Amino acid sequence: MAVETSSGARLFGAHIERFNAAVRSGDFGPMVAAFSDDARLVFEGVPVGPFEGRAAIDDAYRGMPPDDEIDVLSIDEPDASTVVARYAWRATGAQGTMTLQHRDERIDRLTVAFDPPILDPDVLRRDFPILDQEINGHPLVYLDSASTSQKPQVVIDALDTYYREYNANVHRGIYTIGEKATAEYEAARAKVARFINAPDPHEIVFTRNATEAINLVAYSWGRRNINRGDAIVLTEMEHHANLVPWQILVQERDGDLEFIPITDDGLLRLEVFEVLLRLKPKLVAFTHVSNTLGTINPVREMTEMAHAAGALVLIDGAQAVPHLPVDVQELGCDFYAFSGHKMLGPMGSGALWARRELLEAMPPFLAGGEMIREVHLRRSEFNTIPWKFEAGTPAVGDAIGLGVAADYLRDIGMGAVRAHERELVAYALEVLPREVPDISLYGPLDPDHRGGVIPFNLPGIHPHDVAQVLDRFGIAVRAGHHCTMPLHERLDLAATARASFSVYSTRDDIDQLAAGLKEVQRIFGG
């Protein structure tokens, strides 16, 4: 006797069949056709969407096509218009829950939730060949990821493959390897856009790093919009990359800089920010996560406050994009800058995201080849975005490697990355004061408000001496002002030592750091 299947279950089964067929063929049209005109597609656990309407859903699958099929593990129907199913990706085994709501034999709403992955740093470390070595007879303990991250083998392989197999200039050659180079370069742009949930890959401008991205905004947007008496609001904790370009701009344009102060424990004083906004600044620029203190700033709240006062918002995301989920649409900012080398990508790679209308209104940053459409002896017509801002031959291999790094982190899951680093911060804040007498720690003591950065000092011992002795034991930490001289002045510190984490960092690294610091104290008679 045949078992009767409900219309909802049949619709869901047909959707899965069409999805898997589309993954194999690359044509998602038949699958999308089953959605209603005003359908809604929501992804939970990844910074993508939501997508409203069949046309937007079609654009999403065309622009970011999935590359893995799924298997259904179980199906439940809590009511006549809803199907809830557990699913698993065939290649990775990762699981999640789909909720399909339907009416009139059409998909009305589809919510795809991803189970939070579990990050095992001991497993991930195998992907990073540099960590499999000894320094001065000791296993390398790399605790300087805020300066630059190490690179997984897949990123190294991507660079190697580019230079070995299809090294060619982009957007120029119509021969096979030139066309492949162009396709991979633009595919990397789409991967980076997807990683931060940019609404359009054309809003991603490739740069060498966050510093260049911020300078691009300062020179292109700033020189057109900042005039005598106009204010720009920054914070006391900014990296020099988000300070010096604005100093140069206001000196040139006779503008003013104002600064949000910090508390002694490294939090921004938002009540002062509220007062500064009465000056009606043209721009507010601030770091998402402090590279020195680790402070995670309330960037969405600050963006809303700035917009209410009529200001645009630039966020320096160099220390955020590698360590926690970033969704530029959810943040609501206008500019977002970040570096590739801090997020497991190659050095010399980075990006600026900005809203399309801003990029289209901004003049070029650099001039030459690629950024033009037509050139005559006395005039030129500029290219469309983003290429208007990418003059000359770009760092093609580095951009491709950045796209691979973005996918690597996305596969791990940025929620898992953040949970892992929060656990390490909590452990370090517990272990270091207990095991290292008289150590001074700086920044927020609540790991919920702190990224994977631990600045510290040992009384009577210069941070450079601390770092040099730790190196004898294979432990790499940063010592100095970390490109935040004004912040160190505010804290009345000449310098600090800094330990910082990434996906490959472990509790054992922190234990080794504590043991090394005790040895430093012994050597200096502490």
Protein backbone atom coordinates (compact mmCIF):
# COMPACT_ATOMS: atom_id res chain seq x y z
CA MET A 1 0.00 0.00 0.00
CA ALA A 2 1.45 3.35 -1.04
CA VAL A 3 2.11 5.92 1.67
CA GLU A 4 0.43 9.25 0.91
CA THR A 5 2.87 12.17 0.76
CA SER A 6 1.70 15.65 1.67
CA SER A 7 1.92 18.51 -0.83
CA GLY A 8 4.45 20.25 1.42
CA ALA A 9 6.73 17.21 1.55
CA ARG A 10 6.45 16.76 -2.22
CA LEU A 11 7.31 20.43 -2.79
CA PHE A 12 10.29 20.16 -0.46
CA GLY A 13 11.53 16.96 -2.09
CA ALA A 14 11.26 18.53 -5.52
CA HIS A 15 13.18 21.58 -4.28
CA ILE A 16 16.06 19.42 -3.05
CA GLU A 17 16.16 17.51 -6.34
CA ARG A 18 16.24 20.74 -8.33
CA PHE A 19 18.90 22.21 -6.02
CA ASN A 20 21.24 19.24 -6.43
CA ALA A 21 20.67 19.19 -10.19
CA ALA A 22 21.52 22.89 -10.31
CA VAL A 23 24.77 22.34 -8.39
CA ARG A 24 25.77 19.78 -11.02
CA SER A 25 24.69 21.82 -14.04
CA GLY A 26 25.24 25.39 -12.83
CA ASP A 27 21.68 26.34 -13.89
CA PHE A 28 19.58 27.38 -10.88
CA GLY A 29 16.73 28.72 -13.00
CA PRO A 30 14.38 25.72 -12.62
CA MET A 31 14.89 25.70 -8.87
CA VAL A 32 14.25 29.45 -8.49
CA ALA A 33 11.12 29.17 -10.65
CA ALA A 34 9.43 27.29 -7.80
CA PHE A 35 9.58 30.38 -5.56
CA SER A 36 6.66 32.80 -5.45
CA ASP A 37 7.11 36.32 -6.85
CA ASP A 38 7.41 37.82 -3.36
CA ALA A 39 9.29 34.93 -1.75
CA ARG A 40 11.89 35.51 0.94
CA LEU A 41 15.17 33.56 1.27
CA VAL A 42 17.00 33.80 4.59
CA PHE A 43 20.35 32.31 5.61
CA GLU A 44 21.16 32.00 9.32
CA GLY A 45 24.71 31.50 10.54
CA VAL A 46 26.42 33.04 7.49
CA PRO A 47 26.62 36.71 6.42
CA VAL A 48 24.48 36.37 3.29
CA GLY A 49 21.11 37.91 2.47
CA PRO A 50 18.25 38.06 3.18
CA PHE A 51 16.88 38.11 -0.37
CA GLU A 52 13.43 39.50 -1.08
CA GLY A 53 11.53 38.40 -4.19
CA ARG A 54 12.18 35.79 -6.86
CA ALA A 55 14.35 38.13 -8.93
CA ALA A 56 16.68 38.83 -5.99
CA ILE A 57 16.86 35.12 -5.19
CA ASP A 58 17.75 34.37 -8.80
CA ASP A 59 20.50 37.02 -8.71
CA ALA A 60 21.85 35.55 -5.48
CA TYR A 61 22.20 32.04 -6.89
CA ARG A 62 23.72 33.34 -10.12
CA GLY A 63 26.23 35.49 -8.27
CA MET A 64 27.10 33.02 -5.49
CA PRO A 65 26.28 29.52 -6.76
CA PRO A 66 26.64 26.73 -4.15
CA ASP A 67 29.19 24.05 -5.04
CA ASP A 68 28.00 21.14 -2.90
CA GLU A 69 24.89 18.95 -2.96
CA ILE A 70 22.79 18.17 0.10
CA ASP A 71 21.10 15.12 1.59
CA VAL A 72 17.91 15.27 3.64
CA LEU A 73 18.23 13.60 7.04
CA SER A 74 14.69 14.06 8.37
CA ILE A 75 11.44 15.89 7.59
CA ASP A 76 8.72 17.20 9.89
CA GLU A 77 5.56 19.19 9.15
CA PRO A 78 4.50 21.23 12.19
CA ASP A 79 1.53 22.63 10.26
CA ALA A 80 -0.09 22.41 6.83
CA SER A 81 2.02 25.19 5.32
CA THR A 82 5.42 24.47 6.86
CA VAL A 83 8.12 21.84 6.31
CA VAL A 84 11.12 21.61 8.66
CA ALA A 85 13.99 19.37 7.59
CA ARG A 86 17.44 18.47 8.80
CA TYR A 87 20.05 18.32 6.04
CA ALA A 88 23.76 17.60 5.51
CA TRP A 89 26.23 18.78 2.88
CA ARG A 90 27.62 15.80 1.00
CA ALA A 91 31.24 16.94 0.73
CA THR A 92 31.81 18.32 4.23
CA GLY A 93 29.15 16.57 6.32
CA ALA A 94 28.18 19.89 7.88
CA GLN A 95 24.54 19.95 8.95
CA GLY A 96 21.73 22.42 9.44
CA THR A 97 17.98 22.98 9.35
CA MET A 98 15.75 24.15 6.50
CA THR A 99 12.34 25.65 7.12
CA LEU A 100 10.14 25.89 4.02
CA GLN A 101 6.83 27.73 4.10
CA HIS A 102 4.55 27.33 1.10
CA ARG A 103 1.27 28.42 -0.41
CA ASP A 104 -0.40 27.54 -3.70
CA GLU A 105 2.31 24.97 -4.52
CA ARG A 106 4.99 27.69 -4.39
CA ILE A 107 7.82 28.32 -1.94
CA ASP A 108 6.84 31.43 -0.01
CA ARG A 109 9.72 31.57 2.47
CA LEU A 110 12.84 29.43 2.82
CA THR A 111 15.11 29.73 5.84
CA VAL A 112 18.41 27.87 5.69
CA ALA A 113 20.17 27.60 9.06
CA PHE A 114 23.70 26.29 9.48
CA ASP A 115 24.70 24.45 12.64
CA PRO A 116 27.61 26.23 14.36
CA PRO A 117 30.78 24.33 13.44
CA ILE A 118 33.23 23.25 16.11
CA LEU A 119 36.74 24.61 15.65
CA ASP A 120 39.58 22.26 16.60
CA PRO A 121 42.82 24.28 16.44
CA ASP A 122 44.98 21.17 16.73
CA VAL A 123 43.42 19.88 13.51
CA LEU A 124 43.61 23.24 11.74
CA ARG A 125 47.30 23.63 12.62
CA ARG A 126 48.08 20.84 10.16
CA ASP A 127 46.98 23.22 7.38
CA PHE A 128 49.73 25.73 8.27
CA PRO A 129 53.16 24.40 7.25
CA ILE A 130 55.11 27.21 8.94
CA LEU A 131 53.94 26.03 12.36
CA ASP A 132 55.66 22.67 11.88
CA GLN A 133 59.15 23.88 12.77
CA GLU A 134 61.43 24.64 15.68
CA ILE A 135 62.92 28.02 16.58
CA ASN A 136 66.04 27.95 18.74
CA GLY A 137 65.35 24.29 19.51
CA HIS A 138 61.73 24.87 20.57
CA PRO A 139 58.44 24.39 18.68
CA LEU A 140 57.29 27.67 17.17
CA VAL A 141 54.63 29.37 19.30
CA TYR A 142 53.29 32.10 17.02
CA LEU A 143 51.45 34.78 19.00
CA ASP A 144 51.67 37.73 16.61
CA SER A 145 48.64 37.15 14.41
CA ALA A 146 47.39 40.73 14.91
CA SER A 147 50.51 41.81 13.01
CA THR A 148 50.09 39.21 10.28
CA SER A 149 48.49 35.79 10.17
CA GLN A 150 50.11 32.62 8.94
CA LYS A 151 48.89 31.11 5.66
CA PRO A 152 47.17 27.76 5.16
CA GLN A 153 48.45 25.41 2.49
CA VAL A 154 45.44 26.08 0.25
CA VAL A 155 46.40 29.76 0.01
CA ILE A 156 50.03 28.91 -0.69
CA ASP A 157 48.91 26.42 -3.34
CA ALA A 158 46.62 28.99 -4.97
CA LEU A 159 49.53 31.41 -5.39
CA ASP A 160 51.79 28.65 -6.66
CA THR A 161 49.19 27.45 -9.16
CA TYR A 162 48.61 30.95 -10.50
CA TYR A 163 52.29 31.57 -11.16
CA ARG A 164 52.93 28.09 -12.49
CA GLU A 165 49.85 27.62 -14.68
CA TYR A 166 48.10 30.84 -15.71
CA ASN A 167 50.22 33.87 -14.86
CA ALA A 168 48.89 36.61 -17.14
CA ASN A 169 47.55 40.13 -16.90
CA VAL A 170 43.83 40.55 -16.29
CA HIS A 171 41.19 42.28 -18.42
CA ARG A 172 43.61 42.38 -21.35
CA GLY A 173 44.58 39.11 -23.02
CA ILE A 174 42.01 37.18 -25.03
CA TYR A 175 44.14 34.04 -24.96
CA THR A 176 43.35 31.09 -22.70
CA ILE A 177 45.53 31.77 -19.65
CA GLY A 178 44.70 35.49 -19.76
CA GLU A 179 41.00 34.73 -19.71
CA LYS A 180 41.49 32.28 -16.85
CA ALA A 181 43.46 34.84 -14.85
CA THR A 182 40.67 37.37 -15.33
CA ALA A 183 37.98 34.86 -14.35
CA GLU A 184 39.83 33.80 -11.18
CA TYR A 185 40.57 37.41 -10.23
CA GLU A 186 36.92 38.42 -10.53
CA ALA A 187 35.80 35.21 -8.81
CA ALA A 188 38.00 36.24 -5.87
CA ARG A 189 36.19 39.58 -5.75
CA ALA A 190 32.87 37.72 -5.50
CA LYS A 191 34.24 35.50 -2.71
CA VAL A 192 35.39 38.51 -0.70
CA ALA A 193 32.02 40.20 -1.24
CA ARG A 194 30.20 37.09 -0.03
CA PHE A 195 32.48 36.86 3.02
CA ILE A 196 31.38 40.27 4.34
CA ASN A 197 27.89 40.09 2.78
CA ALA A 198 28.46 42.99 0.42
CA PRO A 199 25.34 43.41 -1.73
CA ASP A 200 27.35 43.66 -4.96
CA PRO A 201 30.87 42.38 -5.81
CA HIS A 202 31.40 45.60 -7.80
CA GLU A 203 31.45 47.43 -4.46
CA ILE A 204 34.69 45.62 -3.56
CA VAL A 205 37.85 47.51 -4.56
CA PHE A 206 41.04 45.48 -4.27
CA THR A 207 43.85 47.30 -2.46
CA ARG A 208 47.21 46.31 -1.01
CA ASN A 209 45.92 46.52 2.59
CA ALA A 210 43.58 48.42 4.91
CA THR A 211 46.01 51.35 4.97
CA GLU A 212 45.69 51.85 1.22
CA ALA A 213 41.92 51.42 1.42
CA ILE A 214 41.61 54.19 4.03
CA ASN A 215 43.95 56.45 2.06
CA LEU A 216 41.80 55.87 -1.02
CA VAL A 217 38.78 57.25 0.85
CA ALA A 218 40.77 60.13 2.35
CA TYR A 219 42.15 61.23 -1.02
CA SER A 220 39.17 60.53 -3.26
CA TRP A 221 36.11 61.15 -1.07
CA GLY A 222 37.86 63.43 1.43
CA ARG A 223 39.32 65.97 -0.95
CA ARG A 224 35.97 66.38 -2.63
CA ASN A 225 33.88 66.65 0.55
CA ILE A 226 35.98 68.07 3.41
CA ASN A 227 36.26 71.86 3.44
CA ARG A 228 37.28 74.61 5.85
CA GLY A 229 35.83 74.03 9.30
CA ASP A 230 34.43 70.56 8.56
CA ALA A 231 34.95 68.05 11.36
CA ILE A 232 36.04 64.42 11.24
CA VAL A 233 35.57 62.37 14.41
CA LEU A 234 38.03 59.56 15.25
CA THR A 235 38.90 57.74 18.50
CA GLU A 236 41.91 57.70 20.80
CA MET A 237 42.54 54.02 20.02
CA GLU A 238 43.03 54.28 16.24
CA HIS A 239 45.87 52.59 14.37
CA HIS A 240 48.06 55.15 12.61
CA ALA A 241 46.49 53.96 9.33
CA ASN A 242 43.17 55.44 10.46
CA LEU A 243 44.71 58.60 11.87
CA VAL A 244 47.55 59.96 9.73
CA PRO A 245 45.56 60.08 6.43
CA TRP A 246 42.93 62.23 8.17
CA GLN A 247 45.60 64.45 9.72
CA ILE A 248 47.01 65.13 6.26
CA LEU A 249 43.53 65.76 4.87
CA VAL A 250 42.41 68.30 7.49
CA GLN A 251 45.75 70.11 7.33
CA GLU A 252 45.35 70.44 3.59
CA ARG A 253 41.63 71.34 3.66
CA ASP A 254 41.65 73.39 6.89
CA GLY A 255 39.29 70.97 8.61
CA ASP A 256 39.19 69.75 12.22
CA LEU A 257 39.79 66.44 13.96
CA GLU A 258 37.93 65.47 17.11
CA PHE A 259 38.47 62.33 19.18
CA ILE A 260 36.26 60.01 21.22
CA PRO A 261 38.18 59.33 24.45
CA ILE A 262 38.51 55.95 26.12
CA THR A 263 38.06 54.79 29.68
CA ASP A 264 41.03 53.43 31.62
CA ASP A 265 39.95 49.89 30.75
CA GLY A 266 39.87 50.64 27.03
CA LEU A 267 36.20 51.26 26.25
CA LEU A 268 34.97 54.19 24.17
CA ARG A 269 33.10 56.91 26.03
CA LEU A 270 29.93 57.06 23.99
CA GLU A 271 28.51 59.90 26.06
CA VAL A 272 31.35 62.08 24.74
CA PHE A 273 30.72 60.79 21.22
CA GLU A 274 27.15 62.02 21.57
CA VAL A 275 28.45 65.51 22.36
CA LEU A 276 30.94 65.46 19.47
CA LEU A 277 28.15 64.62 17.04
CA ARG A 278 26.60 68.01 17.80
CA LEU A 279 29.46 69.45 15.73
CA LYS A 280 27.80 67.86 12.69
CA PRO A 281 30.92 66.04 11.44
CA LYS A 282 31.13 65.04 7.80
CA LEU A 283 32.76 61.69 8.68
CA VAL A 284 33.17 59.41 11.67
CA ALA A 285 35.98 56.84 11.33
CA PHE A 286 36.78 54.20 13.94
CA THR A 287 38.24 50.76 14.39
CA HIS A 288 35.94 47.75 14.69
CA VAL A 289 38.42 45.95 16.97
CA SER A 290 41.43 47.65 18.57
CA ASN A 291 44.71 46.17 17.40
CA THR A 292 46.34 47.06 20.73
CA LEU A 293 43.68 46.60 23.41
CA GLY A 294 41.43 44.10 21.64
CA THR A 295 38.36 46.21 22.40
CA ILE A 296 35.37 45.24 20.26
CA ASN A 297 33.58 48.50 19.65
CA PRO A 298 29.77 48.81 19.38
CA VAL A 299 30.07 49.66 15.70
CA ARG A 300 26.42 49.24 14.72
CA GLU A 301 25.26 51.55 17.51
CA MET A 302 27.97 54.07 16.66
CA THR A 303 27.03 53.96 12.98
CA GLU A 304 23.39 54.66 13.78
CA MET A 305 24.40 57.58 16.00
CA ALA A 306 26.67 59.03 13.31
CA HIS A 307 24.06 58.69 10.58
CA ALA A 308 21.47 60.39 12.76
CA ALA A 309 23.85 63.35 12.95
CA GLY A 310 24.31 63.40 9.17
CA ALA A 311 27.82 61.89 9.06
CA LEU A 312 29.18 59.11 6.89
CA VAL A 313 30.93 56.22 8.63
CA LEU A 314 34.21 54.48 7.82
CA ILE A 315 35.15 51.37 9.79
CA ASP A 316 38.69 50.01 9.98
CA GLY A 317 37.99 46.28 9.98
CA ALA A 318 41.56 44.99 9.79
CA GLN A 319 41.30 43.30 13.20
CA ALA A 320 37.65 42.28 12.87
CA VAL A 321 37.26 40.53 9.51
CA PRO A 322 39.71 37.71 10.45
CA HIS A 323 38.18 37.09 13.86
CA LEU A 324 34.40 37.57 13.99
CA PRO A 325 31.40 37.59 11.66
CA VAL A 326 31.20 40.82 9.63
CA ASP A 327 28.09 41.78 7.68
CA VAL A 328 28.43 45.25 6.16
CA GLN A 329 24.74 45.39 5.37
CA GLU A 330 23.84 44.65 8.97
CA LEU A 331 26.40 47.17 10.27
CA GLY A 332 24.97 49.87 8.00
CA CYS A 333 28.30 51.67 7.50
CA ASP A 334 29.40 53.52 4.35
CA PHE A 335 33.04 52.39 4.03
CA TYR A 336 34.71 49.24 5.40
CA ALA A 337 38.46 48.64 5.01
CA PHE A 338 40.45 45.48 5.74
CA SER A 339 43.71 43.68 4.98
CA GLY A 340 44.15 40.25 3.45
CA HIS A 341 47.36 39.28 5.22
CA LYS A 342 45.68 39.40 8.63
CA MET A 343 42.89 37.02 7.49
CA LEU A 344 45.17 34.16 6.32
CA GLY A 345 45.61 35.72 2.85
CA PRO A 346 48.76 36.88 1.08
CA MET A 347 50.65 40.02 1.97
CA GLY A 348 49.85 42.80 -0.47
CA SER A 349 46.15 41.97 -0.54
CA GLY A 350 43.24 43.87 0.95
CA ALA A 351 39.97 45.53 0.08
CA LEU A 352 37.74 48.51 0.48
CA TRP A 353 33.99 48.02 0.51
CA ALA A 354 31.85 51.10 -0.03
CA ARG A 355 28.29 51.80 -1.04
CA ARG A 356 27.92 51.92 -4.81
CA GLU A 357 26.60 55.47 -4.96
CA LEU A 358 29.62 56.74 -3.02
CA LEU A 359 32.12 54.91 -5.22
CA GLU A 360 30.43 56.15 -8.38
CA ALA A 361 30.60 59.75 -7.17
CA MET A 362 34.25 59.57 -6.08
CA PRO A 363 37.05 60.55 -8.49
CA PRO A 364 39.86 58.05 -9.20
CA PHE A 365 42.59 57.57 -6.61
CA LEU A 366 45.42 56.64 -8.99
CA ALA A 367 45.60 57.23 -12.74
CA GLY A 368 46.95 55.14 -15.60
CA GLY A 369 45.99 51.95 -17.34
CA GLU A 370 42.91 49.85 -16.50
CA MET A 371 41.08 52.69 -14.70
CA ILE A 372 40.15 54.31 -18.03
CA ARG A 373 37.51 53.68 -20.67
CA GLU A 374 38.82 56.09 -23.32
CA VAL A 375 41.96 58.25 -23.44
CA HIS A 376 42.55 61.21 -25.75
CA LEU A 377 45.39 63.69 -25.72
CA ARG A 378 43.54 66.26 -23.62
CA ARG A 379 40.88 64.25 -21.80
CA SER A 380 39.98 60.78 -20.56
CA GLU A 381 36.82 58.91 -19.66
CA PHE A 382 37.14 56.76 -16.57
CA ASN A 383 36.15 53.13 -16.14
CA THR A 384 33.18 51.94 -14.11
CA ILE A 385 33.54 50.72 -10.52
CA PRO A 386 35.47 48.98 -9.12
CA TRP A 387 38.09 49.16 -11.88
CA LYS A 388 38.08 52.97 -11.75
CA PHE A 389 40.07 52.56 -8.53
CA GLU A 390 42.40 49.75 -9.66
CA ALA A 391 44.95 51.52 -11.86
CA GLY A 392 47.74 49.53 -13.47
CA THR A 393 48.49 45.84 -13.21
CA PRO A 394 46.96 44.53 -9.98
CA ALA A 395 48.38 41.93 -7.62
CA VAL A 396 46.44 39.17 -9.35
CA GLY A 397 47.88 36.20 -7.49
CA ASP A 398 47.46 37.92 -4.13
CA ALA A 399 43.81 38.73 -4.87
CA ILE A 400 43.17 35.12 -5.86
CA GLY A 401 44.84 33.97 -2.64
CA LEU A 402 42.65 36.38 -0.67
CA GLY A 403 39.56 34.80 -2.19
CA VAL A 404 40.81 31.35 -1.17
CA ALA A 405 41.48 32.61 2.37
CA ALA A 406 37.96 34.03 2.58
CA ASP A 407 36.52 30.67 1.58
CA TYR A 408 38.78 28.87 4.07
CA LEU A 409 37.49 31.02 6.93
CA ARG A 410 33.91 30.79 5.70
CA ASP A 411 34.16 26.99 5.68
CA ILE A 412 35.37 27.03 9.29
CA GLY A 413 32.54 29.40 10.21
CA MET A 414 33.22 32.86 11.62
CA GLY A 415 30.94 32.18 14.56
CA ALA A 416 33.21 29.28 15.47
CA VAL A 417 36.30 31.45 14.99
CA ARG A 418 34.91 34.07 17.35
CA ALA A 419 33.89 31.45 19.96
CA HIS A 420 37.36 29.89 19.80
CA GLU A 421 39.19 33.18 20.25
CA ARG A 422 36.84 34.31 23.02
CA GLU A 423 37.65 31.10 24.89
CA LEU A 424 41.39 31.73 24.43
CA VAL A 425 41.06 35.32 25.68
CA ALA A 426 39.16 34.14 28.77
CA TYR A 427 41.84 31.51 29.41
CA ALA A 428 44.69 33.99 28.98
CA LEU A 429 43.05 36.55 31.28
CA GLU A 430 42.79 33.81 33.91
CA VAL A 431 46.18 32.10 33.49
CA LEU A 432 48.58 35.00 32.96
CA PRO A 433 47.84 36.90 36.21
CA ARG A 434 47.85 33.63 38.14
CA GLU A 435 51.10 32.23 36.72
CA VAL A 436 53.10 35.44 36.12
CA PRO A 437 53.46 37.56 39.26
CA ASP A 438 53.01 41.32 38.85
CA ILE A 439 52.13 41.15 35.14
CA SER A 440 50.17 44.21 33.96
CA LEU A 441 47.36 43.56 31.48
CA TYR A 442 45.58 46.27 29.49
CA GLY A 443 42.20 46.49 27.81
CA PRO A 444 38.72 45.18 28.71
CA LEU A 445 38.65 42.31 31.18
CA ASP A 446 35.35 40.98 29.82
CA PRO A 447 36.12 38.51 26.98
CA ASP A 448 32.71 39.31 25.45
CA HIS A 449 34.03 42.78 24.63
CA ARG A 450 37.51 41.75 23.58
CA GLY A 451 39.08 40.23 20.49
CA GLY A 452 42.08 37.91 20.52
CA VAL A 453 44.64 40.50 21.65
CA ILE A 454 46.44 40.58 25.04
CA PRO A 455 48.81 43.54 25.63
CA PHE A 456 50.96 43.31 28.75
CA ASN A 457 54.06 44.54 30.56
CA LEU A 458 56.38 43.12 33.19
CA PRO A 459 57.47 45.72 35.76
CA GLY A 460 61.02 46.97 35.24
CA ILE A 461 61.55 45.01 32.00
CA HIS A 462 61.32 46.71 28.62
CA PRO A 463 58.88 45.00 26.21
CA HIS A 464 61.68 44.62 23.64
CA ASP A 465 63.71 42.64 26.17
CA VAL A 466 60.65 40.53 26.96
CA ALA A 467 60.15 39.70 23.27
CA GLN A 468 63.83 38.95 22.71
CA VAL A 469 64.02 36.49 25.61
CA LEU A 470 60.74 34.82 24.60
CA ASP A 471 62.20 34.27 21.13
CA ARG A 472 64.90 32.08 22.68
CA PHE A 473 62.06 29.68 23.54
CA GLY A 474 60.44 29.89 20.11
CA ILE A 475 57.68 32.26 21.28
CA ALA A 476 56.87 35.12 18.89
CA VAL A 477 55.15 38.19 20.37
CA ARG A 478 55.07 41.82 19.26
CA ALA A 479 56.80 44.56 21.27
CA GLY A 480 56.52 48.32 20.77
CA HIS A 481 53.71 50.81 20.28
CA HIS A 482 51.87 48.67 17.69
CA CYS A 483 51.25 51.70 15.43
CA THR A 484 49.14 53.29 18.19
CA MET A 485 51.41 55.95 19.69
CA PRO A 486 48.56 58.25 20.80
CA LEU A 487 46.85 55.36 22.58
CA HIS A 488 50.06 54.53 24.44
CA GLU A 489 50.40 58.20 25.40
CA ARG A 490 46.83 58.11 26.73
CA LEU A 491 47.72 55.07 28.85
CA ASP A 492 51.04 56.66 29.89
CA LEU A 493 53.00 53.79 28.42
CA ALA A 494 56.15 53.93 26.31
CA ALA A 495 55.48 50.48 24.85
CA THR A 496 53.81 47.14 25.51
CA ALA A 497 54.31 43.52 24.59
CA ARG A 498 51.37 41.92 22.82
CA ALA A 499 50.19 38.36 22.31
CA SER A 500 47.50 37.81 19.69
CA PHE A 501 45.60 34.79 18.42
CA SER A 502 44.14 33.23 15.30
CA VAL A 503 42.35 30.02 14.34
CA TYR A 504 45.52 27.96 14.86
CA SER A 505 46.22 29.28 18.39
CA THR A 506 45.80 26.92 21.34
CA ARG A 507 45.65 26.89 25.12
CA ASP A 508 49.08 25.30 25.06
CA ASP A 509 50.41 28.42 23.32
CA ILE A 510 49.20 30.47 26.28
CA ASP A 511 50.74 28.01 28.74
CA GLN A 512 54.05 28.28 26.88
CA LEU A 513 53.79 32.07 27.00
CA ALA A 514 53.22 32.02 30.77
CA ALA A 515 56.22 29.70 31.27
CA GLY A 516 58.35 31.90 29.03
CA LEU A 517 57.39 35.05 30.94
CA LYS A 518 58.38 33.44 34.22
CA GLU A 519 61.76 32.70 32.65
CA VAL A 520 62.03 36.34 31.57
CA GLN A 521 61.42 37.40 35.16
CA ARG A 522 64.03 34.94 36.41
CA ILE A 523 66.65 36.23 33.97
CA PHE A 524 66.02 39.86 34.94
CA GLY A 525 65.88 39.08 38.64
CA GLY A 526 62.13 39.52 39.02
